[in-house]
Amino acid sequence: MKLIVAIIKPYKADDVREAVSELGVSGMTLTEVKGFGRQKGHTELYRGAEYVIDFLPKVKLEIVAPDALADPVVEAICKAANTGKIGDGKIFVSSLEQSIRIRTGETGDDAL
């Protein structure tokens, strides 16, 4: 199993959810986060005062997928989240040792 973590622009979350659902992904966790990378934030004007917004709003998606589905899920996220502009985000993939469905006790891919 693989844990796929994607940090994307908030307005792209629904597009990504639809894209991975078509592949058979049955669930994901979405968290609203703030951060920056190469984008480095931006400057805004508020009531005549200029201030810097260092941390930009992002969405963090966490998806657990069977090994065979990991690459198609990553490709679907890349395609759905891409705007071609700076700040599109990042995807991190790591191996996952075990998953357990608490209600039934199912383990591994069966717990997904």
Protein backbone atom coordinates (compact mmCIF):
# COMPACT_ATOMS: atom_id res chain seq x y z
CA MET A 1 0.00 0.00 0.00
CA LYS A 2 1.02 3.59 -0.60
CA LEU A 3 0.20 6.79 1.27
CA ILE A 4 -0.21 9.60 -1.23
CA VAL A 5 -0.12 13.13 0.19
CA ALA A 6 -0.93 15.98 -2.17
CA ILE A 7 -0.72 19.69 -1.34
CA ILE A 8 -2.80 21.57 -3.93
CA LYS A 9 -4.72 24.79 -4.55
CA PRO A 10 -8.04 24.75 -2.66
CA TYR A 11 -10.25 25.30 -5.70
CA LYS A 12 -8.78 22.19 -7.37
CA ALA A 13 -9.86 19.80 -4.57
CA ASP A 14 -13.19 18.83 -6.19
CA ASP A 15 -11.52 18.18 -9.56
CA VAL A 16 -8.98 15.90 -7.87
CA ARG A 17 -11.66 14.09 -5.86
CA GLU A 18 -13.64 13.35 -9.03
CA ALA A 19 -10.53 12.20 -10.91
CA VAL A 20 -9.39 9.73 -8.25
CA SER A 21 -12.95 8.49 -7.60
CA GLU A 22 -13.14 7.41 -11.24
CA LEU A 23 -10.13 5.17 -10.56
CA GLY A 24 -11.91 3.42 -7.69
CA VAL A 25 -10.44 5.27 -4.73
CA SER A 26 -13.04 4.88 -2.00
CA GLY A 27 -11.88 7.55 0.43
CA MET A 28 -9.52 10.37 1.23
CA THR A 29 -8.83 12.89 3.95
CA LEU A 30 -8.85 16.61 3.16
CA THR A 31 -7.29 19.17 5.49
CA GLU A 32 -7.17 22.91 4.98
CA VAL A 33 -3.58 24.04 5.54
CA LYS A 34 -1.36 27.05 4.96
CA GLY A 35 2.13 27.02 3.55
CA PHE A 36 4.56 28.28 0.98
CA GLY A 37 7.19 26.97 -1.37
CA ARG A 38 8.80 28.78 -4.27
CA GLN A 39 5.72 30.98 -4.41
CA LYS A 40 6.91 32.77 -1.23
CA GLY A 41 3.55 34.39 -0.47
CA HIS A 42 2.43 37.77 -1.74
CA THR A 43 1.77 41.35 -0.66
CA GLU A 44 -1.73 42.75 -0.12
CA LEU A 45 -3.09 46.21 0.58
CA TYR A 46 -5.58 46.46 3.45
CA ARG A 47 -7.00 49.83 4.60
CA GLY A 48 -4.10 51.64 3.08
CA ALA A 49 -1.48 49.47 4.77
CA GLU A 50 0.61 47.01 2.86
CA TYR A 51 1.31 43.66 4.46
CA VAL A 52 2.90 40.39 3.40
CA ILE A 53 1.02 37.11 3.44
CA ASP A 54 3.74 34.51 3.96
CA PHE A 55 1.52 31.45 4.23
CA LEU A 56 -0.92 30.81 1.43
CA PRO A 57 -4.08 28.71 1.79
CA LYS A 58 -3.68 25.18 0.46
CA VAL A 59 -5.46 21.84 0.73
CA LYS A 60 -3.73 18.67 1.89
CA LEU A 61 -5.19 15.43 0.53
CA GLU A 62 -4.21 12.08 2.01
CA ILE A 63 -5.08 8.96 0.05
CA VAL A 64 -4.19 5.34 0.82
CA ALA A 65 -4.13 3.17 -2.31
CA PRO A 66 -3.09 -0.38 -3.17
CA ASP A 67 0.35 -0.56 -4.82
CA ALA A 68 -1.15 -1.25 -8.25
CA LEU A 69 -3.33 1.86 -8.06
CA ALA A 70 -0.71 4.28 -6.71
CA ASP A 71 0.79 5.41 -10.03
CA PRO A 72 -2.60 5.99 -11.73
CA VAL A 73 -3.78 7.97 -8.68
CA VAL A 74 -0.66 10.17 -8.78
CA GLU A 75 -1.15 10.76 -12.52
CA ALA A 76 -4.81 11.65 -11.98
CA ILE A 77 -3.90 14.13 -9.22
CA CYS A 78 -1.23 15.74 -11.42
CA LYS A 79 -3.63 16.11 -14.32
CA ALA A 80 -6.56 17.40 -12.26
CA ALA A 81 -4.57 19.83 -10.08
CA ASN A 82 -2.42 21.30 -12.86
CA THR A 83 -3.02 24.94 -13.81
CA GLY A 84 0.44 25.50 -15.27
CA LYS A 85 1.09 28.32 -12.82
CA ILE A 86 3.36 28.59 -9.81
CA GLY A 87 1.85 27.14 -6.63
CA ASP A 88 0.11 24.13 -8.20
CA GLY A 89 1.49 22.02 -5.36
CA LYS A 90 3.41 18.85 -4.61
CA ILE A 91 2.72 15.14 -4.24
CA PHE A 92 4.54 12.85 -1.81
CA VAL A 93 4.29 9.05 -1.99
CA SER A 94 5.44 6.75 0.80
CA SER A 95 5.07 3.07 1.60
CA LEU A 96 2.48 2.10 4.18
CA GLU A 97 3.01 -1.01 6.27
CA GLN A 98 -0.50 -1.71 7.52
CA SER A 99 -4.09 -0.50 7.53
CA ILE A 100 -6.86 -1.71 9.81
CA ARG A 101 -10.59 -1.04 9.62
CA ILE A 102 -11.54 -0.53 13.27
CA ARG A 103 -15.18 -1.62 12.93
CA THR A 104 -14.55 -5.00 11.28
CA GLY A 105 -10.90 -5.71 12.04
CA GLU A 106 -10.09 -6.09 8.32
CA THR A 107 -6.44 -5.47 7.50
CA GLY A 108 -4.31 -4.56 4.49
CA ASP A 109 -6.03 -3.80 1.16
CA ASP A 110 -9.31 -5.19 2.54
CA ALA A 111 -9.42 -2.32 5.02
CA LEU A 112 -9.37 0.27 2.26
